[in-house]
Amino acid sequence: IPMVHWPEPMVTLDTTNGVLFSADAFGSFKALDG
């Protein structure tokens, strides 16, 4: 996924269960705190 938001990122999809490791896409500021 070039330029989201650096030239080098990729995403990794687990096709077995549909989990997408989406790099900086769909992220947010703020700590999770549990």
PDB file of all heavy atoms in Angstrom:
ATOM      1  N   ILE A   1       0.850  -1.192   0.000  1.00  0.00           N
ATOM      2  CA  ILE A   1       0.000   0.000   0.000  1.00  0.00           C
ATOM      3  C   ILE A   1       0.893   1.252   0.000  1.00  0.00           C
ATOM      4  O   ILE A   1       0.942   2.003   0.967  1.00  0.00           O
ATOM      5  CB  ILE A   1      -0.981   0.020   1.190  1.00  0.00           C
ATOM      6  CG1 ILE A   1      -0.236  -0.134   2.538  1.00  0.00           C
ATOM      7  CG2 ILE A   1      -2.029  -1.065   1.052  1.00  0.00           C
ATOM      8  CD1 ILE A   1      -1.126   0.162   3.743  1.00  0.00           C
ATOM      9  N   PRO A   2       1.602   1.496  -1.100  1.00  0.00           N
ATOM     10  CA  PRO A   2       2.535   2.629  -1.137  1.00  0.00           C
ATOM     11  C   PRO A   2       1.846   3.961  -0.894  1.00  0.00           C
ATOM     12  O   PRO A   2       0.711   4.178  -1.320  1.00  0.00           O
ATOM     13  CB  PRO A   2       3.119   2.560  -2.555  1.00  0.00           C
ATOM     14  CG  PRO A   2       2.129   1.762  -3.343  1.00  0.00           C
ATOM     15  CD  PRO A   2       1.539   0.783  -2.380  1.00  0.00           C
ATOM     16  N   MET A   3       2.531   4.819  -0.149  1.00  0.00           N
ATOM     17  CA  MET A   3       2.079   6.167   0.186  1.00  0.00           C
ATOM     18  C   MET A   3       0.847   6.193   1.077  1.00  0.00           C
ATOM     19  O   MET A   3       0.077   7.157   1.054  1.00  0.00           O
ATOM     20  CB  MET A   3       1.868   7.018  -1.063  1.00  0.00           C
ATOM     21  CG  MET A   3       3.120   7.200  -1.899  1.00  0.00           C
ATOM     22  SD  MET A   3       4.650   7.483  -0.932  1.00  0.00           S
ATOM     23  CE  MET A   3       4.256   8.971   0.010  1.00  0.00           C
ATOM     24  N   VAL A   4       0.674   5.160   1.862  1.00  0.00           N
ATOM     25  CA  VAL A   4      -0.318   5.189   2.939  1.00  0.00           C
ATOM     26  C   VAL A   4       0.413   4.857   4.251  1.00  0.00           C
ATOM     27  O   VAL A   4       0.275   3.797   4.793  1.00  0.00           O
ATOM     28  CB  VAL A   4      -1.469   4.188   2.709  1.00  0.00           C
ATOM     29  CG1 VAL A   4      -2.531   4.322   3.802  1.00  0.00           C
ATOM     30  CG2 VAL A   4      -2.089   4.343   1.343  1.00  0.00           C
ATOM     31  N   HIS A   5       1.195   5.739   4.706  1.00  0.00           N
ATOM     32  CA  HIS A   5       1.480   7.087   4.222  1.00  0.00           C
ATOM     33  C   HIS A   5       2.967   7.252   3.899  1.00  0.00           C
ATOM     34  O   HIS A   5       3.432   8.360   3.668  1.00  0.00           O
ATOM     35  CB  HIS A   5       1.061   8.126   5.274  1.00  0.00           C
ATOM     36  CG  HIS A   5       1.729   7.893   6.596  1.00  0.00           C
ATOM     37  ND1 HIS A   5       2.531   8.845   7.196  1.00  0.00           N
ATOM     38  CD2 HIS A   5       1.779   6.816   7.404  1.00  0.00           C
ATOM     39  CE1 HIS A   5       2.988   8.371   8.327  1.00  0.00           C
ATOM     40  NE2 HIS A   5       2.553   7.145   8.475  1.00  0.00           N
ATOM     41  N   TRP A   6       3.736   6.163   3.926  1.00  0.00           N
ATOM     42  CA  TRP A   6       5.125   6.118   3.476  1.00  0.00           C
ATOM     43  C   TRP A   6       5.180   5.283   2.201  1.00  0.00           C
ATOM     44  O   TRP A   6       4.185   4.616   1.845  1.00  0.00           O
ATOM     45  CB  TRP A   6       6.004   5.492   4.565  1.00  0.00           C
ATOM     46  CG  TRP A   6       6.448   6.443   5.643  1.00  0.00           C
ATOM     47  CD1 TRP A   6       5.843   7.598   6.029  1.00  0.00           C
ATOM     48  CD2 TRP A   6       7.605   6.301   6.469  1.00  0.00           C
ATOM     49  NE1 TRP A   6       6.549   8.182   7.051  1.00  0.00           N
ATOM     50  CE2 TRP A   6       7.642   7.414   7.347  1.00  0.00           C
ATOM     51  CE3 TRP A   6       8.621   5.352   6.568  1.00  0.00           C
ATOM     52  CZ2 TRP A   6       8.655   7.594   8.290  1.00  0.00           C
ATOM     53  CZ3 TRP A   6       9.623   5.524   7.522  1.00  0.00           C
ATOM     54  CH2 TRP A   6       9.644   6.645   8.368  1.00  0.00           C
ATOM     55  N   PRO A   7       6.309   5.261   1.511  1.00  0.00           N
ATOM     56  CA  PRO A   7       6.367   4.500   0.251  1.00  0.00           C
ATOM     57  C   PRO A   7       6.364   2.987   0.412  1.00  0.00           C
ATOM     58  O   PRO A   7       6.031   2.268  -0.524  1.00  0.00           O
ATOM     59  CB  PRO A   7       7.698   4.956  -0.375  1.00  0.00           C
ATOM     60  CG  PRO A   7       8.055   6.229   0.306  1.00  0.00           C
ATOM     61  CD  PRO A   7       7.504   6.109   1.696  1.00  0.00           C
ATOM     62  N   GLU A   8       6.738   2.489   1.625  1.00  0.00           N
ATOM     63  CA  GLU A   8       7.049   1.062   1.751  1.00  0.00           C
ATOM     64  C   GLU A   8       5.979   0.183   2.387  1.00  0.00           C
ATOM     65  O   GLU A   8       6.127  -1.048   2.397  1.00  0.00           O
ATOM     66  CB  GLU A   8       8.352   0.917   2.549  1.00  0.00           C
ATOM     67  CG  GLU A   8       8.222   0.652   4.040  1.00  0.00           C
ATOM     68  CD  GLU A   8       7.501   1.707   4.874  1.00  0.00           C
ATOM     69  OE1 GLU A   8       7.215   2.815   4.360  1.00  0.00           O
ATOM     70  OE2 GLU A   8       7.200   1.432   6.035  1.00  0.00           O
ATOM     71  N   PRO A   9       4.876   0.697   2.966  1.00  0.00           N
ATOM     72  CA  PRO A   9       4.019  -0.187   3.769  1.00  0.00           C
ATOM     73  C   PRO A   9       3.324  -1.273   2.959  1.00  0.00           C
ATOM     74  O   PRO A   9       3.130  -1.161   1.744  1.00  0.00           O
ATOM     75  CB  PRO A   9       2.976   0.765   4.370  1.00  0.00           C
ATOM     76  CG  PRO A   9       3.555   2.128   4.251  1.00  0.00           C
ATOM     77  CD  PRO A   9       4.407   2.084   3.029  1.00  0.00           C
ATOM     78  N   MET A  10       2.933  -2.297   3.670  1.00  0.00           N
ATOM     79  CA  MET A  10       2.064  -3.326   3.126  1.00  0.00           C
ATOM     80  C   MET A  10       1.034  -3.656   4.193  1.00  0.00           C
ATOM     81  O   MET A  10       1.165  -3.257   5.356  1.00  0.00           O
ATOM     82  CB  MET A  10       2.859  -4.577   2.758  1.00  0.00           C
ATOM     83  CG  MET A  10       3.473  -5.311   3.935  1.00  0.00           C
ATOM     84  SD  MET A  10       4.388  -6.788   3.430  1.00  0.00           S
ATOM     85  CE  MET A  10       4.832  -7.490   5.029  1.00  0.00           C
ATOM     86  N   VAL A  11       0.002  -4.353   3.795  1.00  0.00           N
ATOM     87  CA  VAL A  11      -0.928  -4.950   4.747  1.00  0.00           C
ATOM     88  C   VAL A  11      -0.853  -6.454   4.579  1.00  0.00           C
ATOM     89  O   VAL A  11      -0.488  -6.964   3.517  1.00  0.00           O
ATOM     90  CB  VAL A  11      -2.374  -4.449   4.543  1.00  0.00           C
ATOM     91  CG1 VAL A  11      -2.478  -2.960   4.830  1.00  0.00           C
ATOM     92  CG2 VAL A  11      -2.881  -4.754   3.132  1.00  0.00           C
ATOM     93  N   THR A  12      -1.188  -7.151   5.660  1.00  0.00           N
ATOM     94  CA  THR A  12      -1.140  -8.612   5.655  1.00  0.00           C
ATOM     95  C   THR A  12      -2.518  -9.152   5.998  1.00  0.00           C
ATOM     96  O   THR A  12      -3.071  -8.808   7.052  1.00  0.00           O
ATOM     97  CB  THR A  12      -0.112  -9.120   6.683  1.00  0.00           C
ATOM     98  OG1 THR A  12       1.172  -8.562   6.385  1.00  0.00           O
ATOM     99  CG2 THR A  12      -0.025 -10.639   6.648  1.00  0.00           C
ATOM    100  N   LEU A  13      -3.074  -9.959   5.124  1.00  0.00           N
ATOM    101  CA  LEU A  13      -4.413 -10.526   5.319  1.00  0.00           C
ATOM    102  C   LEU A  13      -4.317 -12.001   5.675  1.00  0.00           C
ATOM    103  O   LEU A  13      -3.706 -12.785   4.946  1.00  0.00           O
ATOM    104  CB  LEU A  13      -5.263 -10.359   4.055  1.00  0.00           C
ATOM    105  CG  LEU A  13      -6.661 -10.993   4.116  1.00  0.00           C
ATOM    106  CD1 LEU A  13      -7.537 -10.298   5.143  1.00  0.00           C
ATOM    107  CD2 LEU A  13      -7.328 -10.981   2.740  1.00  0.00           C
ATOM    108  N   ASP A  14      -4.885 -12.349   6.807  1.00  0.00           N
ATOM    109  CA  ASP A  14      -5.037 -13.754   7.174  1.00  0.00           C
ATOM    110  C   ASP A  14      -6.294 -14.254   6.471  1.00  0.00           C
ATOM    111  O   ASP A  14      -7.423 -13.979   6.891  1.00  0.00           O
ATOM    112  CB  ASP A  14      -5.172 -13.887   8.692  1.00  0.00           C
ATOM    113  CG  ASP A  14      -5.172 -15.337   9.157  1.00  0.00           C
ATOM    114  OD1 ASP A  14      -5.496 -16.221   8.346  1.00  0.00           O
ATOM    115  OD2 ASP A  14      -4.867 -15.576  10.338  1.00  0.00           O
ATOM    116  N   THR A  15      -6.109 -14.961   5.375  1.00  0.00           N
ATOM    117  CA  THR A  15      -7.257 -15.418   4.578  1.00  0.00           C
ATOM    118  C   THR A  15      -8.025 -16.532   5.271  1.00  0.00           C
ATOM    119  O   THR A  15      -9.129 -16.874   4.844  1.00  0.00           O
ATOM    120  CB  THR A  15      -6.789 -15.890   3.190  1.00  0.00           C
ATOM    121  OG1 THR A  15      -5.841 -16.955   3.340  1.00  0.00           O
ATOM    122  CG2 THR A  15      -6.133 -14.741   2.418  1.00  0.00           C
ATOM    123  N   THR A  16      -7.463 -17.080   6.346  1.00  0.00           N
ATOM    124  CA  THR A  16      -8.151 -18.136   7.083  1.00  0.00           C
ATOM    125  C   THR A  16      -9.293 -17.581   7.928  1.00  0.00           C
ATOM    126  O   THR A  16     -10.369 -18.172   8.011  1.00  0.00           O
ATOM    127  CB  THR A  16      -7.161 -18.891   7.986  1.00  0.00           C
ATOM    128  OG1 THR A  16      -6.075 -19.374   7.195  1.00  0.00           O
ATOM    129  CG2 THR A  16      -7.845 -20.060   8.680  1.00  0.00           C
ATOM    130  N   ASN A  17      -9.056 -16.439   8.583  1.00  0.00           N
ATOM    131  CA  ASN A  17     -10.082 -15.890   9.477  1.00  0.00           C
ATOM    132  C   ASN A  17     -10.477 -14.445   9.159  1.00  0.00           C
ATOM    133  O   ASN A  17     -11.280 -13.855   9.882  1.00  0.00           O
ATOM    134  CB  ASN A  17      -9.635 -15.996  10.936  1.00  0.00           C
ATOM    135  CG  ASN A  17      -8.328 -15.247  11.196  1.00  0.00           C
ATOM    136  OD1 ASN A  17      -7.875 -14.455  10.379  1.00  0.00           O
ATOM    137  ND2 ASN A  17      -7.717 -15.515  12.345  1.00  0.00           N
ATOM    138  N   GLY A  18      -9.890 -13.853   8.111  1.00  0.00           N
ATOM    139  CA  GLY A  18     -10.293 -12.516   7.701  1.00  0.00           C
ATOM    140  C   GLY A  18      -9.672 -11.388   8.492  1.00  0.00           C
ATOM    141  O   GLY A  18     -10.133 -10.238   8.405  1.00  0.00           O
ATOM    142  N   VAL A  19      -8.620 -11.655   9.269  1.00  0.00           N
ATOM    143  CA  VAL A  19      -7.932 -10.602  10.012  1.00  0.00           C
ATOM    144  C   VAL A  19      -6.996  -9.852   9.067  1.00  0.00           C
ATOM    145  O   VAL A  19      -6.169 -10.459   8.385  1.00  0.00           O
ATOM    146  CB  VAL A  19      -7.129 -11.178  11.190  1.00  0.00           C
ATOM    147  CG1 VAL A  19      -6.253 -10.090  11.816  1.00  0.00           C
ATOM    148  CG2 VAL A  19      -8.065 -11.769  12.229  1.00  0.00           C
ATOM    149  N   LEU A  20      -7.138  -8.534   9.029  1.00  0.00           N
ATOM    150  CA  LEU A  20      -6.252  -7.702   8.231  1.00  0.00           C
ATOM    151  C   LEU A  20      -5.361  -6.892   9.155  1.00  0.00           C
ATOM    152  O   LEU A  20      -5.841  -6.080   9.952  1.00  0.00           O
ATOM    153  CB  LEU A  20      -7.046  -6.748   7.329  1.00  0.00           C
ATOM    154  CG  LEU A  20      -6.181  -5.846   6.433  1.00  0.00           C
ATOM    155  CD1 LEU A  20      -5.541  -6.670   5.314  1.00  0.00           C
ATOM    156  CD2 LEU A  20      -6.993  -4.693   5.859  1.00  0.00           C
ATOM    157  N   PHE A  21      -4.054  -7.104   9.057  1.00  0.00           N
ATOM    158  CA  PHE A  21      -3.083  -6.271   9.757  1.00  0.00           C
ATOM    159  C   PHE A  21      -2.831  -5.071   8.851  1.00  0.00           C
ATOM    160  O   PHE A  21      -2.141  -5.184   7.828  1.00  0.00           O
ATOM    161  CB  PHE A  21      -1.811  -7.064  10.040  1.00  0.00           C
ATOM    162  CG  PHE A  21      -2.060  -8.292  10.890  1.00  0.00           C
ATOM    163  CD1 PHE A  21      -2.280  -9.539  10.304  1.00  0.00           C
ATOM    164  CD2 PHE A  21      -2.108  -8.185  12.273  1.00  0.00           C
ATOM    165  CE1 PHE A  21      -2.518 -10.659  11.082  1.00  0.00           C
ATOM    166  CE2 PHE A  21      -2.342  -9.299  13.067  1.00  0.00           C
ATOM    167  CZ  PHE A  21      -2.559 -10.542  12.466  1.00  0.00           C
ATOM    168  N   SER A  22      -3.414  -3.927   9.237  1.00  0.00           N
ATOM    169  CA  SER A  22      -3.624  -2.830   8.280  1.00  0.00           C
ATOM    170  C   SER A  22      -2.604  -1.711   8.363  1.00  0.00           C
ATOM    171  O   SER A  22      -2.828  -0.626   7.811  1.00  0.00           O
ATOM    172  CB  SER A  22      -5.030  -2.254   8.480  1.00  0.00           C
ATOM    173  OG  SER A  22      -5.195  -1.722   9.781  1.00  0.00           O
ATOM    174  N   ALA A  23      -1.456  -1.948   9.045  1.00  0.00           N
ATOM    175  CA  ALA A  23      -0.419  -0.918   9.179  1.00  0.00           C
ATOM    176  C   ALA A  23      -1.033   0.340   9.791  1.00  0.00           C
ATOM    177  O   ALA A  23      -1.816   0.255  10.725  1.00  0.00           O
ATOM    178  CB  ALA A  23       0.261  -0.666   7.833  1.00  0.00           C
ATOM    179  N   ASP A  24      -0.703   1.527   9.255  1.00  0.00           N
ATOM    180  CA  ASP A  24      -1.214   2.756   9.843  1.00  0.00           C
ATOM    181  C   ASP A  24      -2.638   3.092   9.404  1.00  0.00           C
ATOM    182  O   ASP A  24      -3.227   4.056   9.895  1.00  0.00           O
ATOM    183  CB  ASP A  24      -0.289   3.935   9.497  1.00  0.00           C
ATOM    184  CG  ASP A  24       0.761   4.171  10.577  1.00  0.00           C
ATOM    185  OD1 ASP A  24       0.612   3.610  11.676  1.00  0.00           O
ATOM    186  OD2 ASP A  24       1.724   4.921  10.327  1.00  0.00           O
ATOM    187  N   ALA A  25      -3.182   2.340   8.455  1.00  0.00           N
ATOM    188  CA  ALA A  25      -4.575   2.564   8.048  1.00  0.00           C
ATOM    189  C   ALA A  25      -5.518   2.180   9.190  1.00  0.00           C
ATOM    190  O   ALA A  25      -5.274   1.203   9.907  1.00  0.00           O
ATOM    191  CB  ALA A  25      -4.898   1.758   6.800  1.00  0.00           C
ATOM    192  N   PHE A  26      -6.571   2.964   9.355  1.00  0.00           N
ATOM    193  CA  PHE A  26      -7.633   2.746  10.360  1.00  0.00           C
ATOM    194  C   PHE A  26      -7.126   2.931  11.794  1.00  0.00           C
ATOM    195  O   PHE A  26      -7.719   2.426  12.735  1.00  0.00           O
ATOM    196  CB  PHE A  26      -8.283   1.371  10.180  1.00  0.00           C
ATOM    197  CG  PHE A  26      -8.685   1.088   8.769  1.00  0.00           C
ATOM    198  CD1 PHE A  26      -8.043   0.114   8.024  1.00  0.00           C
ATOM    199  CD2 PHE A  26      -9.687   1.832   8.169  1.00  0.00           C
ATOM    200  CE1 PHE A  26      -8.395  -0.125   6.701  1.00  0.00           C
ATOM    201  CE2 PHE A  26     -10.050   1.598   6.851  1.00  0.00           C
ATOM    202  CZ  PHE A  26      -9.401   0.615   6.106  1.00  0.00           C
ATOM    203  N   GLY A  27      -6.035   3.683  11.940  1.00  0.00           N
ATOM    204  CA  GLY A  27      -5.490   3.939  13.254  1.00  0.00           C
ATOM    205  C   GLY A  27      -6.094   5.164  13.908  1.00  0.00           C
ATOM    206  O   GLY A  27      -6.949   5.855  13.346  1.00  0.00           O
ATOM    207  N   SER A  28      -5.624   5.449  15.123  1.00  0.00           N
ATOM    208  CA  SER A  28      -6.160   6.574  15.884  1.00  0.00           C
ATOM    209  C   SER A  28      -5.176   6.978  16.966  1.00  0.00           C
ATOM    210  O   SER A  28      -4.422   6.147  17.481  1.00  0.00           O
ATOM    211  CB  SER A  28      -7.501   6.196  16.537  1.00  0.00           C
ATOM    212  OG  SER A  28      -7.993   7.253  17.333  1.00  0.00           O
ATOM    213  N   PHE A  29      -5.177   8.268  17.298  1.00  0.00           N
ATOM    214  CA  PHE A  29      -4.559   8.694  18.545  1.00  0.00           C
ATOM    215  C   PHE A  29      -5.401   8.147  19.704  1.00  0.00           C
ATOM    216  O   PHE A  29      -6.519   7.718  19.523  1.00  0.00           O
ATOM    217  CB  PHE A  29      -4.526  10.222  18.633  1.00  0.00           C
ATOM    218  CG  PHE A  29      -3.616  10.885  17.629  1.00  0.00           C
ATOM    219  CD1 PHE A  29      -4.022  12.029  16.961  1.00  0.00           C
ATOM    220  CD2 PHE A  29      -2.354  10.383  17.363  1.00  0.00           C
ATOM    221  CE1 PHE A  29      -3.189  12.656  16.046  1.00  0.00           C
ATOM    222  CE2 PHE A  29      -1.519  11.008  16.457  1.00  0.00           C
ATOM    223  CZ  PHE A  29      -1.933  12.147  15.795  1.00  0.00           C
ATOM    224  N   LYS A  30      -4.859   8.189  20.896  1.00  0.00           N
ATOM    225  CA  LYS A  30      -5.500   7.824  22.150  1.00  0.00           C
ATOM    226  C   LYS A  30      -5.096   6.400  22.564  1.00  0.00           C
ATOM    227  O   LYS A  30      -5.119   5.475  21.763  1.00  0.00           O
ATOM    228  CB  LYS A  30      -7.031   7.926  22.083  1.00  0.00           C
ATOM    229  CG  LYS A  30      -7.722   7.820  23.431  1.00  0.00           C
ATOM    230  CD  LYS A  30      -9.201   8.189  23.310  1.00  0.00           C
ATOM    231  CE  LYS A  30      -9.918   8.020  24.617  1.00  0.00           C
ATOM    232  NZ  LYS A  30     -11.324   8.421  24.559  1.00  0.00           N
ATOM    233  N   ALA A  31      -4.729   6.271  23.832  1.00  0.00           N
ATOM    234  CA  ALA A  31      -4.344   4.965  24.371  1.00  0.00           C
ATOM    235  C   ALA A  31      -5.568   4.087  24.574  1.00  0.00           C
ATOM    236  O   ALA A  31      -6.667   4.566  24.847  1.00  0.00           O
ATOM    237  CB  ALA A  31      -3.595   5.146  25.694  1.00  0.00           C
ATOM    238  N   LEU A  32      -5.359   2.784  24.450  1.00  0.00           N
ATOM    239  CA  LEU A  32      -6.462   1.827  24.589  1.00  0.00           C
ATOM    240  C   LEU A  32      -6.872   1.626  26.040  1.00  0.00           C
ATOM    241  O   LEU A  32      -8.060   1.486  26.349  1.00  0.00           O
ATOM    242  CB  LEU A  32      -6.056   0.481  23.979  1.00  0.00           C
ATOM    243  CG  LEU A  32      -5.809   0.494  22.467  1.00  0.00           C
ATOM    244  CD1 LEU A  32      -5.160  -0.811  22.040  1.00  0.00           C
ATOM    245  CD2 LEU A  32      -7.110   0.717  21.724  1.00  0.00           C
ATOM    246  N   ASP A  33      -5.892   1.556  26.933  1.00  0.00           N
ATOM    247  CA  ASP A  33      -6.159   1.418  28.363  1.00  0.00           C
ATOM    248  C   ASP A  33      -7.156   0.306  28.672  1.00  0.00           C
ATOM    249  O   ASP A  33      -8.154   0.489  29.370  1.00  0.00           O
ATOM    250  CB  ASP A  33      -6.648   2.744  28.948  1.00  0.00           C
ATOM    251  CG  ASP A  33      -5.599   3.839  28.849  1.00  0.00           C
ATOM    252  OD1 ASP A  33      -4.413   3.507  28.719  1.00  0.00           O
ATOM    253  OD2 ASP A  33      -5.978   5.023  28.904  1.00  0.00           O
ATOM    254  N   GLY A  34      -6.874  -0.860  28.118  1.00  0.00           N
ATOM    255  CA  GLY A  34      -7.694  -2.039  28.407  1.00  0.00           C
ATOM    256  C   GLY A  34      -8.840  -2.273  27.456  1.00  0.00           C
ATOM    257  O   GLY A  34      -9.344  -3.391  27.344  1.00  0.00           O
TER     258      GLY A  34
END
